[in-house]
C-alpha atoms as a PDB file:
ATOM      1  CA  MET A   1       0.000   0.000   0.000  1.00  0.00           C
ATOM      2  CA  GLN A   2       1.490   3.339  -0.996  1.00  0.00           C
ATOM      3  CA  LYS A   3       1.575   6.288   1.392  1.00  0.00           C
ATOM      4  CA  SER A   4       1.319   9.566  -0.459  1.00  0.00           C
ATOM      5  CA  ALA A   5       1.551  13.021   1.122  1.00  0.00           C
ATOM      6  CA  TRP A   6       3.477  13.671   4.337  1.00  0.00           C
ATOM      7  CA  LEU A   7       2.020  16.710   6.044  1.00  0.00           C
ATOM      8  CA  VAL A   8       3.865  19.292   8.112  1.00  0.00           C
ATOM      9  CA  SER A   9       3.414  18.992  11.866  1.00  0.00           C
ATOM     10  CA  PRO A  10       3.847  22.027  14.162  1.00  0.00           C
ATOM     11  CA  VAL A  11       4.703  19.822  17.142  1.00  0.00           C
ATOM     12  CA  LEU A  12       7.134  22.391  18.493  1.00  0.00           C
ATOM     13  CA  ALA A  13       8.098  25.873  17.446  1.00  0.00           C
ATOM     14  CA  PHE A  14      11.368  24.716  15.867  1.00  0.00           C
ATOM     15  CA  VAL A  15       9.864  21.633  14.220  1.00  0.00           C
ATOM     16  CA  ALA A  16       8.897  22.775  10.760  1.00  0.00           C
ATOM     17  CA  ALA A  17       8.909  19.506   8.829  1.00  0.00           C
ATOM     18  CA  LEU A  18       7.776  16.584  10.943  1.00  0.00           C
ATOM     19  CA  PRO A  19       5.745  14.136   8.892  1.00  0.00           C
ATOM     20  CA  ILE A  20       2.340  13.814  10.439  1.00  0.00           C
ATOM     21  CA  GLN A  21       0.571  11.195   8.389  1.00  0.00           C
ATOM     22  CA  ALA A  22       0.831   8.557   5.721  1.00  0.00           C
ATOM     23  CA  GLN A  23      -2.106   8.068   3.440  1.00  0.00           C
ATOM     24  CA  PHE A  24      -2.948   4.687   1.983  1.00  0.00           C
ATOM     25  CA  THR A  25      -3.397   4.078  -1.741  1.00  0.00           C
ATOM     26  CA  GLN A  26      -2.679   1.023  -3.854  1.00  0.00           C
ATOM     27  CA  GLY A  27       0.777  -0.277  -4.795  1.00  0.00           C
ATOM     28  CA  GLY A  28       4.417   0.196  -3.796  1.00  0.00           C
ATOM     29  CA  ASN A  29       6.524  -0.718  -0.768  1.00  0.00           C
ATOM     30  CA  SER A  30       9.141   1.762   0.546  1.00  0.00           C
ATOM     31  CA  PRO A  31       9.567   4.076   3.565  1.00  0.00           C
ATOM     32  CA  SER A  32       7.307   6.615   1.894  1.00  0.00           C
ATOM     33  CA  ASN A  33       5.114   3.994   0.249  1.00  0.00           C
ATOM     34  CA  ALA A  34       5.376   1.003   2.572  1.00  0.00           C
ATOM     35  CA  ALA A  35       2.754  -1.646   2.928  1.00  0.00           C
ATOM     36  CA  PRO A  36       0.844  -2.144   6.159  1.00  0.00           C
ATOM     37  CA  SER A  37       2.400  -5.102   7.948  1.00  0.00           C
ATOM     38  CA  ALA A  38       1.035  -8.512   7.103  1.00  0.00           C
ATOM     39  CA  VAL A  39      -1.227 -10.555   9.357  1.00  0.00           C
ATOM     40  CA  SER A  40      -1.854 -14.286   9.332  1.00  0.00           C
ATOM     41  CA  SER A  41      -4.594 -15.355   6.937  1.00  0.00           C
ATOM     42  CA  PRO A  42      -5.900 -11.806   6.380  1.00  0.00           C
ATOM     43  CA  ASP A  43      -9.540 -11.309   5.650  1.00  0.00           C
ATOM     44  CA  ILE A  44      -9.818  -9.200   2.512  1.00  0.00           C
ATOM     45  CA  SER A  45     -12.811  -7.258   3.748  1.00  0.00           C
ATOM     46  CA  SER A  46     -11.025  -6.577   7.041  1.00  0.00           C
ATOM     47  CA  GLU A  47      -7.953  -5.387   5.142  1.00  0.00           C
ATOM     48  CA  ASP A  48     -10.142  -3.040   3.146  1.00  0.00           C
ATOM     49  CA  GLU A  49     -11.641  -1.738   6.383  1.00  0.00           C
ATOM     50  CA  VAL A  50      -8.160  -1.050   7.767  1.00  0.00           C
ATOM     51  CA  TYR A  51      -7.265   0.974   4.695  1.00  0.00           C
ATOM     52  CA  THR A  52     -10.583   2.792   4.792  1.00  0.00           C
ATOM     53  CA  HIS A  53     -10.089   3.816   8.426  1.00  0.00           C
ATOM     54  CA  CYS A  54      -6.483   4.865   7.782  1.00  0.00           C
ATOM     55  CA  ASN A  55      -7.430   6.922   4.747  1.00  0.00           C
ATOM     56  CA  ARG A  56     -10.249   8.546   6.695  1.00  0.00           C
ATOM     57  CA  GLY A  57      -7.811   9.235   9.509  1.00  0.00           C
ATOM     58  CA  SER A  58      -5.412  10.902   7.058  1.00  0.00           C
ATOM     59  CA  ALA A  59      -8.220  13.055   5.679  1.00  0.00           C
ATOM     60  CA  LYS A  60      -9.280  14.086   9.175  1.00  0.00           C
ATOM     61  CA  LEU A  61      -5.703  14.927  10.104  1.00  0.00           C
ATOM     62  CA  SER A  62      -5.529  17.164   7.040  1.00  0.00           C
ATOM     63  CA  LEU A  63      -8.657  18.965   8.233  1.00  0.00           C
ATOM     64  CA  GLY A  64      -7.403  19.330  11.812  1.00  0.00           C
ATOM     65  CA  ASP A  65     -10.033  16.931  13.167  1.00  0.00           C
ATOM     66  CA  TRP A  66      -7.730  15.346  15.735  1.00  0.00           C
ATOM     67  CA  ASP A  67     -10.440  13.473  17.641  1.00  0.00           C
ATOM     68  CA  GLY A  68     -11.880  12.092  14.429  1.00  0.00           C
ATOM     69  CA  ALA A  69      -8.444  10.993  13.240  1.00  0.00           C
ATOM     70  CA  ILE A  70      -7.705   9.293  16.556  1.00  0.00           C
ATOM     71  CA  ALA A  71     -11.013   7.419  16.367  1.00  0.00           C
ATOM     72  CA  GLU A  72     -10.291   6.221  12.820  1.00  0.00           C
ATOM     73  CA  TYR A  73      -6.782   5.013  13.630  1.00  0.00           C
ATOM     74  CA  THR A  74      -8.021   3.326  16.789  1.00  0.00           C
ATOM     75  CA  GLN A  75     -10.540   1.358  14.736  1.00  0.00           C
ATOM     76  CA  ALA A  76      -7.781   0.411  12.283  1.00  0.00           C
ATOM     77  CA  ILE A  77      -5.640  -0.817  15.180  1.00  0.00           C
ATOM     78  CA  GLU A  78      -8.532  -2.865  16.571  1.00  0.00           C
ATOM     79  CA  LEU A  79      -8.840  -4.583  13.200  1.00  0.00           C
ATOM     80  CA  LYS A  80      -5.091  -4.950  12.701  1.00  0.00           C
ATOM     81  CA  PRO A  81      -3.093  -4.595  15.940  1.00  0.00           C
ATOM     82  CA  ASP A  82       0.292  -4.790  14.193  1.00  0.00           C
ATOM     83  CA  GLU A  83      -0.254  -1.851  11.838  1.00  0.00           C
ATOM     84  CA  TRP A  84       2.626   0.483  12.702  1.00  0.00           C
ATOM     85  CA  ILE A  85       1.399   3.338  10.499  1.00  0.00           C
ATOM     86  CA  ALA A  86      -1.863   3.567  12.412  1.00  0.00           C
ATOM     87  CA  TYR A  87       0.034   3.912  15.710  1.00  0.00           C
ATOM     88  CA  TYR A  88       2.370   6.462  14.197  1.00  0.00           C
ATOM     89  CA  ASN A  89      -0.370   8.612  12.699  1.00  0.00           C
ATOM     90  CA  ARG A  90      -2.498   8.345  15.834  1.00  0.00           C
ATOM     91  CA  GLY A  91       0.520   9.485  17.829  1.00  0.00           C
ATOM     92  CA  ASN A  92       0.857  12.585  15.665  1.00  0.00           C
ATOM     93  CA  ALA A  93      -2.848  13.343  16.116  1.00  0.00           C
ATOM     94  CA  ARG A  94      -2.391  13.019  19.870  1.00  0.00           C
ATOM     95  CA  VAL A  95       0.504  15.464  19.752  1.00  0.00           C
ATOM     96  CA  HIS A  96      -1.890  18.043  18.328  1.00  0.00           C
ATOM     97  CA  LYS A  97      -4.223  17.306  21.240  1.00  0.00           C
ATOM     98  CA  ASN A  98      -1.260  17.871  23.582  1.00  0.00           C
ATOM     99  CA  ASP A  99      -1.630  14.269  24.774  1.00  0.00           C
ATOM    100  CA  MET A 100       2.112  13.756  24.906  1.00  0.00           C
ATOM    101  CA  ASP A 101       1.939  10.601  27.036  1.00  0.00           C
ATOM    102  CA  GLY A 102      -0.485   8.979  24.610  1.00  0.00           C
ATOM    103  CA  ALA A 103       1.616  10.090  21.650  1.00  0.00           C
ATOM    104  CA  PHE A 104       4.774   8.732  23.282  1.00  0.00           C
ATOM    105  CA  ALA A 105       3.108   5.347  23.788  1.00  0.00           C
ATOM    106  CA  ASP A 106       1.960   5.254  20.157  1.00  0.00           C
ATOM    107  CA  PHE A 107       5.405   6.147  18.828  1.00  0.00           C
ATOM    108  CA  ASN A 108       6.927   3.469  21.062  1.00  0.00           C
ATOM    109  CA  LYS A 109       4.565   0.899  19.568  1.00  0.00           C
ATOM    110  CA  ALA A 110       5.267   2.066  16.017  1.00  0.00           C
ATOM    111  CA  ILE A 111       9.012   1.679  16.664  1.00  0.00           C
ATOM    112  CA  GLU A 112       8.479  -1.753  18.203  1.00  0.00           C
ATOM    113  CA  LEU A 113       6.600  -2.871  15.076  1.00  0.00           C
ATOM    114  CA  LYS A 114       8.845  -1.104  12.551  1.00  0.00           C
ATOM    115  CA  PRO A 115      12.281  -0.466  14.108  1.00  0.00           C
ATOM    116  CA  ASP A 116      13.879   0.302  10.725  1.00  0.00           C
ATOM    117  CA  GLN A 117      11.563   3.261  10.017  1.00  0.00           C
ATOM    118  CA  GLY A 118      12.996   6.705  10.747  1.00  0.00           C
ATOM    119  CA  GLU A 119       9.866   8.826  11.159  1.00  0.00           C
ATOM    120  CA  PRO A 120       8.607   7.369  14.469  1.00  0.00           C
ATOM    121  CA  TYR A 121      11.984   8.034  16.119  1.00  0.00           C
ATOM    122  CA  GLY A 122      11.831  11.635  14.984  1.00  0.00           C
ATOM    123  CA  SER A 123       8.294  12.124  16.253  1.00  0.00           C
ATOM    124  CA  ARG A 124       9.165  10.496  19.577  1.00  0.00           C
ATOM    125  CA  ALA A 125      12.138  12.859  19.821  1.00  0.00           C
ATOM    126  CA  ALA A 126       9.800  15.826  19.349  1.00  0.00           C
ATOM    127  CA  VAL A 127       7.712  14.593  22.280  1.00  0.00           C
ATOM    128  CA  GLU A 128      10.872  14.123  24.352  1.00  0.00           C
ATOM    129  CA  ILE A 129      11.947  17.676  23.556  1.00  0.00           C
ATOM    130  CA  SER A 130       8.541  18.957  24.653  1.00  0.00           C
ATOM    131  CA  LYS A 131       9.061  17.080  27.922  1.00  0.00           C
ATOM    132  CA  LYS A 132      12.699  18.252  28.219  1.00  0.00           C
ATOM    133  CA  LEU A 133      13.934  14.654  28.002  1.00  0.00           C
ATOM    134  CA  TRP A 134      17.049  15.815  26.229  1.00  0.00           C
ATOM    135  CA  ASP A 135      19.133  12.620  26.311  1.00  0.00           C
ATOM    136  CA  GLY A 136      16.282  10.577  24.884  1.00  0.00           C
ATOM    137  CA  ALA A 137      15.717  13.166  22.161  1.00  0.00           C
ATOM    138  CA  ILE A 138      19.400  13.137  21.195  1.00  0.00           C
ATOM    139  CA  SER A 139      19.359   9.326  21.042  1.00  0.00           C
ATOM    140  CA  ASP A 140      16.195   9.210  18.940  1.00  0.00           C
ATOM    141  CA  GLU A 141      17.306  11.908  16.535  1.00  0.00           C
ATOM    142  CA  THR A 142      20.644  10.110  16.152  1.00  0.00           C
ATOM    143  CA  LYS A 143      18.734   6.956  15.221  1.00  0.00           C
ATOM    144  CA  THR A 144      16.635   8.956  12.756  1.00  0.00           C
ATOM    145  CA  ILE A 145      19.808  10.293  11.136  1.00  0.00           C
ATOM    146  CA  GLN A 146      21.231   6.772  10.882  1.00  0.00           C
ATOM    147  CA  LEU A 147      18.087   5.640   9.049  1.00  0.00           C
ATOM    148  CA  LYS A 148      17.530   8.881   7.114  1.00  0.00           C
ATOM    149  CA  PRO A 149      20.896  10.673   6.710  1.00  0.00           C
ATOM    150  CA  ASP A 150      19.306  13.563   4.812  1.00  0.00           C
ATOM    151  CA  SER A 151      16.626  14.250   7.435  1.00  0.00           C
ATOM    152  CA  GLN A 152      17.170  17.958   7.981  1.00  0.00           C
ATOM    153  CA  ILE A 153      14.559  18.116  10.751  1.00  0.00           C
ATOM    154  CA  ALA A 154      16.403  15.396  12.687  1.00  0.00           C
ATOM    155  CA  TYR A 155      19.517  17.593  12.784  1.00  0.00           C
ATOM    156  CA  VAL A 156      17.314  20.477  13.939  1.00  0.00           C
ATOM    157  CA  GLY A 157      15.868  18.395  16.761  1.00  0.00           C
ATOM    158  CA  ARG A 158      19.236  17.043  17.849  1.00  0.00           C
ATOM    159  CA  ALA A 159      20.816  20.504  17.736  1.00  0.00           C
ATOM    160  CA  THR A 160      17.999  21.862  19.898  1.00  0.00           C
ATOM    161  CA  ALA A 161      18.473  19.095  22.472  1.00  0.00           C
ATOM    162  CA  LYS A 162      22.250  19.490  22.463  1.00  0.00           C
ATOM    163  CA  GLN A 163      21.944  23.230  23.127  1.00  0.00           C
ATOM    164  CA  ALA A 164      19.610  22.485  26.011  1.00  0.00           C
ATOM    165  CA  VAL A 165      22.270  20.330  27.714  1.00  0.00           C
ATOM    166  CA  GLY A 166      25.055  22.836  27.027  1.00  0.00           C
ATOM    167  CA  ASP A 167      26.725  20.992  24.153  1.00  0.00           C
ATOM    168  CA  GLU A 168      27.136  24.130  22.076  1.00  0.00           C
ATOM    169  CA  GLU A 169      29.885  22.674  19.896  1.00  0.00           C
ATOM    170  CA  GLY A 170      27.740  19.669  19.007  1.00  0.00           C
ATOM    171  CA  ALA A 171      24.771  21.930  18.383  1.00  0.00           C
ATOM    172  CA  ILE A 172      26.793  24.117  16.010  1.00  0.00           C
ATOM    173  CA  ALA A 173      27.793  21.019  14.024  1.00  0.00           C
ATOM    174  CA  ASP A 174      24.161  19.933  13.729  1.00  0.00           C
ATOM    175  CA  TRP A 175      22.892  23.413  12.810  1.00  0.00           C
ATOM    176  CA  THR A 176      25.623  23.535  10.159  1.00  0.00           C
ATOM    177  CA  LYS A 177      24.420  20.232   8.704  1.00  0.00           C
ATOM    178  CA  ALA A 178      20.828  21.470   8.767  1.00  0.00           C
ATOM    179  CA  ILE A 179      21.940  24.542   6.793  1.00  0.00           C
ATOM    180  CA  GLU A 180      23.799  22.353   4.283  1.00  0.00           C
ATOM    181  CA  LEU A 181      20.586  20.429   3.699  1.00  0.00           C
ATOM    182  CA  LYS A 182      18.451  23.577   3.548  1.00  0.00           C
ATOM    183  CA  PRO A 183      20.614  26.657   2.863  1.00  0.00           C
ATOM    184  CA  ASN A 184      17.808  29.190   3.311  1.00  0.00           C
ATOM    185  CA  PHE A 185      16.685  27.839   6.696  1.00  0.00           C
ATOM    186  CA  THR A 186      16.545  31.111   8.619  1.00  0.00           C
ATOM    187  CA  VAL A 187      15.986  29.606  12.076  1.00  0.00           C
ATOM    188  CA  ALA A 188      19.135  27.505  11.771  1.00  0.00           C
ATOM    189  CA  TYR A 189      21.281  30.617  11.300  1.00  0.00           C
ATOM    190  CA  LEU A 190      19.604  32.209  14.318  1.00  0.00           C
ATOM    191  CA  ARG A 191      20.088  29.195  16.566  1.00  0.00           C
ATOM    192  CA  ARG A 192      23.665  28.651  15.417  1.00  0.00           C
ATOM    193  CA  GLY A 193      24.270  32.301  16.254  1.00  0.00           C
ATOM    194  CA  VAL A 194      22.952  31.701  19.768  1.00  0.00           C
ATOM    195  CA  ALA A 195      25.322  28.761  20.189  1.00  0.00           C
ATOM    196  CA  LYS A 196      28.258  30.803  18.916  1.00  0.00           C
ATOM    197  CA  VAL A 197      27.523  33.571  21.431  1.00  0.00           C
ATOM    198  CA  ALA A 198      27.567  30.941  24.185  1.00  0.00           C
ATOM    199  CA  MET A 199      30.961  29.754  22.859  1.00  0.00           C
ATOM    200  CA  GLY A 200      32.311  33.325  22.824  1.00  0.00           C
ATOM    201  CA  ASP A 201      32.494  33.451  19.022  1.00  0.00           C
ATOM    202  CA  TYR A 202      30.797  36.827  18.698  1.00  0.00           C
ATOM    203  CA  THR A 203      32.110  37.545  15.209  1.00  0.00           C
ATOM    204  CA  GLY A 204      30.785  34.224  13.948  1.00  0.00           C
ATOM    205  CA  ALA A 205      27.473  34.871  15.670  1.00  0.00           C
ATOM    206  CA  ILE A 206      27.169  38.300  14.026  1.00  0.00           C
ATOM    207  CA  THR A 207      27.752  36.664  10.646  1.00  0.00           C
ATOM    208  CA  ASP A 208      24.991  34.126  11.292  1.00  0.00           C
ATOM    209  CA  TYR A 209      22.520  36.702  12.571  1.00  0.00           C
ATOM    210  CA  SER A 210      23.289  38.908   9.561  1.00  0.00           C
ATOM    211  CA  GLN A 211      22.553  35.994   7.241  1.00  0.00           C
ATOM    212  CA  ALA A 212      19.248  35.387   9.014  1.00  0.00           C
ATOM    213  CA  ILE A 213      18.381  39.076   8.586  1.00  0.00           C
ATOM    214  CA  GLN A 214      19.313  38.952   4.907  1.00  0.00           C
ATOM    215  CA  LEU A 215      16.895  36.040   4.474  1.00  0.00           C
ATOM    216  CA  ASN A 216      14.206  37.740   6.566  1.00  0.00           C
ATOM    217  CA  PRO A 217      14.633  41.522   7.006  1.00  0.00           C
ATOM    218  CA  ASN A 218      11.782  41.554   9.564  1.00  0.00           C
ATOM    219  CA  TYR A 219      13.303  38.898  11.833  1.00  0.00           C
ATOM    220  CA  ALA A 220      13.169  40.593  15.243  1.00  0.00           C
ATOM    221  CA  GLU A 221      14.893  37.709  17.025  1.00  0.00           C
ATOM    222  CA  ALA A 222      17.887  37.977  14.685  1.00  0.00           C
ATOM    223  CA  TYR A 223      18.264  41.716  15.292  1.00  0.00           C
ATOM    224  CA  ALA A 224      18.056  41.115  19.033  1.00  0.00           C
ATOM    225  CA  GLY A 225      20.594  38.303  18.876  1.00  0.00           C
ATOM    226  CA  ARG A 226      22.988  40.356  16.788  1.00  0.00           C
ATOM    227  CA  GLY A 227      22.555  43.222  19.240  1.00  0.00           C
ATOM    228  CA  ILE A 228      23.641  40.932  22.058  1.00  0.00           C
ATOM    229  CA  ALA A 229      26.692  39.809  20.076  1.00  0.00           C
ATOM    230  CA  TYR A 230      27.646  43.402  19.234  1.00  0.00           C
ATOM    231  CA  GLU A 231      27.276  44.361  22.889  1.00  0.00           C
ATOM    232  CA  LYS A 232      29.482  41.442  23.948  1.00  0.00           C
ATOM    233  CA  GLU A 233      32.163  42.748  21.569  1.00  0.00           C
ATOM    234  CA  GLY A 234      31.823  46.295  22.892  1.00  0.00           C
ATOM    235  CA  GLY A 235      30.018  47.593  19.820  1.00  0.00           C
ATOM    236  CA  TYR A 236      27.480  49.496  21.884  1.00  0.00           C
ATOM    237  CA  ASP A 237      26.155  51.815  19.167  1.00  0.00           C
ATOM    238  CA  LYS A 238      25.550  48.901  16.793  1.00  0.00           C
ATOM    239  CA  ALA A 239      23.956  46.937  19.624  1.00  0.00           C
ATOM    240  CA  LEU A 240      21.534  49.745  20.436  1.00  0.00           C
ATOM    241  CA  ALA A 241      20.655  50.138  16.748  1.00  0.00           C
ATOM    242  CA  ASP A 242      19.829  46.432  16.498  1.00  0.00           C
ATOM    243  CA  TYR A 243      17.750  46.435  19.686  1.00  0.00           C
ATOM    244  CA  ASN A 244      15.838  49.439  18.356  1.00  0.00           C
ATOM    245  CA  GLN A 245      15.254  47.714  15.029  1.00  0.00           C
ATOM    246  CA  ALA A 246      14.076  44.529  16.707  1.00  0.00           C
ATOM    247  CA  LEU A 247      11.555  46.505  18.734  1.00  0.00           C
ATOM    248  CA  MET A 248      10.379  48.386  15.667  1.00  0.00           C
ATOM    249  CA  VAL A 249       9.527  45.004  14.140  1.00  0.00           C
ATOM    250  CA  ASP A 250       8.146  43.528  17.369  1.00  0.00           C
ATOM    251  CA  GLY A 251       7.557  45.893  20.257  1.00  0.00           C
ATOM    252  CA  ASP A 252       7.218  42.991  22.687  1.00  0.00           C
ATOM    253  CA  ASN A 253      10.422  41.164  21.774  1.00  0.00           C
ATOM    254  CA  ILE A 254      11.724  40.063  25.154  1.00  0.00           C
ATOM    255  CA  ALA A 255      15.364  39.574  24.136  1.00  0.00           C
ATOM    256  CA  ALA A 256      15.531  43.085  22.675  1.00  0.00           C
ATOM    257  CA  LEU A 257      13.782  44.662  25.663  1.00  0.00           C
ATOM    258  CA  ASN A 258      16.119  42.927  28.089  1.00  0.00           C
ATOM    259  CA  GLY A 259      19.201  43.620  25.962  1.00  0.00           C
ATOM    260  CA  ARG A 260      18.438  47.309  25.582  1.00  0.00           C
ATOM    261  CA  ALA A 261      17.632  47.675  29.279  1.00  0.00           C
ATOM    262  CA  TRP A 262      20.901  45.951  30.186  1.00  0.00           C
ATOM    263  CA  LEU A 263      22.853  48.189  27.810  1.00  0.00           C
ATOM    264  CA  TRP A 264      21.237  51.361  29.127  1.00  0.00           C
ATOM    265  CA  ALA A 265      21.834  50.280  32.740  1.00  0.00           C
ATOM    266  CA  THR A 266      25.329  48.771  32.646  1.00  0.00           C
ATOM    267  CA  CYS A 267      27.231  50.220  29.667  1.00  0.00           C
ATOM    268  CA  PRO A 268      30.654  51.525  30.703  1.00  0.00           C
ATOM    269  CA  ARG A 269      30.080  54.523  28.420  1.00  0.00           C
ATOM    270  CA  ALA A 270      28.187  57.138  30.387  1.00  0.00           C
ATOM    271  CA  ASP A 271      26.711  58.654  27.239  1.00  0.00           C
ATOM    272  CA  MET A 272      24.941  55.347  26.515  1.00  0.00           C
ATOM    273  CA  ARG A 273      23.328  54.929  29.921  1.00  0.00           C
ATOM    274  CA  ASN A 274      19.686  55.892  30.472  1.00  0.00           C
ATOM    275  CA  GLY A 275      18.261  54.593  33.714  1.00  0.00           C
ATOM    276  CA  MET A 276      14.683  55.763  33.224  1.00  0.00           C
ATOM    277  CA  ASN A 277      14.343  54.249  29.764  1.00  0.00           C
ATOM    278  CA  ALA A 278      16.042  51.098  31.003  1.00  0.00           C
ATOM    279  CA  PHE A 279      13.477  50.825  33.785  1.00  0.00           C
ATOM    280  CA  MET A 280      10.601  50.842  31.293  1.00  0.00           C
ATOM    281  CA  ASP A 281      12.172  48.140  29.139  1.00  0.00           C
ATOM    282  CA  ALA A 282      13.177  45.958  32.084  1.00  0.00           C
ATOM    283  CA  THR A 283       9.739  46.180  33.665  1.00  0.00           C
ATOM    284  CA  GLN A 284       8.060  45.252  30.389  1.00  0.00           C
ATOM    285  CA  ALA A 285      10.382  42.245  30.014  1.00  0.00           C
ATOM    286  CA  CYS A 286       9.679  41.096  33.584  1.00  0.00           C
ATOM    287  CA  ASN A 287       5.938  41.443  33.061  1.00  0.00           C
ATOM    288  CA  ALA A 288       6.141  39.469  29.818  1.00  0.00           C
ATOM    289  CA  THR A 289       7.958  36.629  31.591  1.00  0.00           C
ATOM    290  CA  LEU A 290       5.610  36.725  34.626  1.00  0.00           C
ATOM    291  CA  TRP A 291       8.465  37.754  36.921  1.00  0.00           C
ATOM    292  CA  LYS A 292       9.931  34.243  36.742  1.00  0.00           C
ATOM    293  CA  ASN A 293      12.948  34.732  34.482  1.00  0.00           C
ATOM    294  CA  PRO A 294      16.148  35.287  36.483  1.00  0.00           C
ATOM    295  CA  ALA A 295      17.888  37.136  33.648  1.00  0.00           C
ATOM    296  CA  MET A 296      15.067  39.658  33.329  1.00  0.00           C
ATOM    297  CA  ILE A 297      14.843  40.235  37.077  1.00  0.00           C
ATOM    298  CA  GLY A 298      18.631  40.544  37.231  1.00  0.00           C
ATOM    299  CA  THR A 299      18.498  43.229  34.571  1.00  0.00           C
ATOM    300  CA  LEU A 300      15.889  45.117  36.591  1.00  0.00           C
ATOM    301  CA  ALA A 301      18.187  44.922  39.632  1.00  0.00           C
ATOM    302  CA  ALA A 302      20.985  46.460  37.565  1.00  0.00           C
ATOM    303  CA  VAL A 303      18.585  49.199  36.457  1.00  0.00           C
ATOM    304  CA  TYR A 304      17.672  50.000  40.052  1.00  0.00           C
ATOM    305  CA  ALA A 305      21.376  50.233  40.892  1.00  0.00           C
ATOM    306  CA  GLU A 306      21.984  52.550  37.933  1.00  0.00           C
ATOM    307  CA  THR A 307      19.239  54.889  39.187  1.00  0.00           C
ATOM    308  CA  GLY A 308      20.641  54.833  42.728  1.00  0.00           C
ATOM    309  CA  ASP A 309      17.787  52.746  44.210  1.00  0.00           C
ATOM    310  CA  PHE A 310      20.053  50.221  45.904  1.00  0.00           C
ATOM    311  CA  ASP A 311      17.382  48.922  48.279  1.00  0.00           C
ATOM    312  CA  ASN A 312      15.312  47.655  45.337  1.00  0.00           C
ATOM    313  CA  ALA A 313      18.471  46.553  43.544  1.00  0.00           C
ATOM    314  CA  VAL A 314      19.382  44.319  46.480  1.00  0.00           C
ATOM    315  CA  LYS A 315      15.809  43.083  46.822  1.00  0.00           C
ATOM    316  CA  SER A 316      15.561  42.167  43.135  1.00  0.00           C
ATOM    317  CA  GLN A 317      18.970  40.527  43.058  1.00  0.00           C
ATOM    318  CA  LYS A 318      18.084  38.386  46.072  1.00  0.00           C
ATOM    319  CA  GLN A 319      14.917  37.390  44.241  1.00  0.00           C
ATOM    320  CA  VAL A 320      17.119  36.158  41.393  1.00  0.00           C
ATOM    321  CA  LEU A 321      19.158  34.007  43.762  1.00  0.00           C
ATOM    322  CA  GLU A 322      16.008  32.372  45.128  1.00  0.00           C
ATOM    323  CA  ILE A 323      15.032  30.964  41.720  1.00  0.00           C
ATOM    324  CA  PRO A 324      15.870  27.231  41.530  1.00  0.00           C
ATOM    325  CA  GLY A 325      17.924  25.594  38.820  1.00  0.00           C
ATOM    326  CA  LEU A 326      20.456  28.353  38.175  1.00  0.00           C
ATOM    327  CA  SER A 327      23.795  27.301  36.695  1.00  0.00           C
ATOM    328  CA  PRO A 328      26.928  27.660  38.846  1.00  0.00           C
ATOM    329  CA  SER A 329      28.337  30.381  36.577  1.00  0.00           C
ATOM    330  CA  PHE A 330      25.078  32.351  36.630  1.00  0.00           C
ATOM    331  CA  LEU A 331      24.943  32.062  40.429  1.00  0.00           C
ATOM    332  CA  ALA A 332      28.535  33.270  40.788  1.00  0.00           C
ATOM    333  CA  ASP A 333      27.895  36.333  38.644  1.00  0.00           C
ATOM    334  CA  ALA A 334      24.620  37.075  40.407  1.00  0.00           C
ATOM    335  CA  ARG A 335      26.300  36.971  43.824  1.00  0.00           C
ATOM    336  CA  LYS A 336      29.040  39.332  42.653  1.00  0.00           C
ATOM    337  CA  ARG A 337      26.446  41.841  41.527  1.00  0.00           C
ATOM    338  CA  LEU A 338      24.547  41.494  44.795  1.00  0.00           C
ATOM    339  CA  ALA A 339      27.746  42.363  46.672  1.00  0.00           C
ATOM    340  CA  LEU A 340      28.124  45.479  44.530  1.00  0.00           C
ATOM    341  CA  TYR A 341      24.559  46.619  45.188  1.00  0.00           C
ATOM    342  CA  GLU A 342      24.924  46.014  48.913  1.00  0.00           C
ATOM    343  CA  ALA A 343      27.989  48.281  48.745  1.00  0.00           C
ATOM    344  CA  HIS A 344      25.883  50.882  46.894  1.00  0.00           C
ATOM    345  CA  GLN A 345      27.786  50.458  43.646  1.00  0.00           C
ATOM    346  CA  PRO A 346      26.194  50.032  40.214  1.00  0.00           C
ATOM    347  CA  TYR A 347      27.323  47.294  37.861  1.00  0.00           C
ATOM    348  CA  ARG A 348      29.363  48.134  34.773  1.00  0.00           C
ATOM    349  CA  ASP A 349      29.551  45.535  32.025  1.00  0.00           C
ATOM    350  CA  ASN A 350      33.187  46.209  31.070  1.00  0.00           C
ATOM    351  CA  LYS A 351      34.538  44.232  28.130  1.00  0.00           C
END
C-alpha cells in the first residue's frame, strides 16, 4: 500500500517539517510507500476496512479533526493490531491534542513494530523535547539520522536538544548540517548564532545573525541576537541600533527589551546609559515573563542600581538568587552583583 503526502506537523516551534501522516493508496513498498504489515490469513474485507479507516484518519488529520483521526486510527488498530502506520499517525494526532503521554506510547509501539523506520523516532524525539527529556531526544534523533541521513529536521531536533544540555559545539555542528541540507533555513542561522555567542564566538554569531536578517529583514529575534553579540564585543552603538530595530519590528520582543535595558543600565560609556528608559524596558520584560525569568529580574536589579535605588536593587537581586535551577556560573555572577549593590555600587559591564 502506498503512502502519499506527508504533512507538516507544528509539534514544536522549531519543528517545521515533521511528517504527520501517511495516506494509503494502492501499490508500492518503501519508507514513503510502505505496505501495512502482514497478518496471518488476512480477511480481505477486514484489510479493506483497515485501509478505509487509515485513509479517513489521514483526511481528518488534514482537516485538523484530531479526535476524528484518533477514532479512525483506533478502529484500524482494533482490526489490525500490528499496523505500525496507524500507531504512528495516531501518535501525531495526539501530539496536536497535547496528549504527549499517549503520543509517546503510540510512537513506542510504532518503533516496536517497525524499528527500521525513521519517522517514528523523529516524532518520539519531538515529544521528548517537549518534555525536556534531552538525552532521549538526542538518542532518537541520532537513530533517525542513521536511518535517514538527509533528514534535515532530525539535525534540527538534535541541535535543539544538544543546546539544552550545554553541548554548544555539538549543536553548532548539527545546525551547520541542517543549513547544508536547507541553505535558506533562517531559524538555523539564528540558533547557530545563539550557540556561537555561548561559545564566545561573537564575530561568527554576528555573521549568522546577519545571514538570518538577509533572508528575513523583519526577523526581530535575529536583530536582538545580533545586538547581544555586538554588545558582547563592545560595539554598543551597533547593539543599540539592532535592539531598536528589533523593537520596531516587534515591540514585545523580550530579548531586545532585556538587551536594551541591560545596555542602558550597565554600559561603561556614560553617554549610553539611560536609567529611566532602562526601567521601562526591564519592567516590560519582567511582566512578559511573569516575573519568573532570572535574567530579566537581574536586569531590573541592575537598572535600580543605575538609578541609585540600591534597596530595590538588592531586593531584586536576592529574588534572582532564590530561583531554583540556576547554573553555577550564573549564580557566581549574580552573587558578585549582589555584593556590589549592597555596597551601593552600580554594575558596569566592562569588556
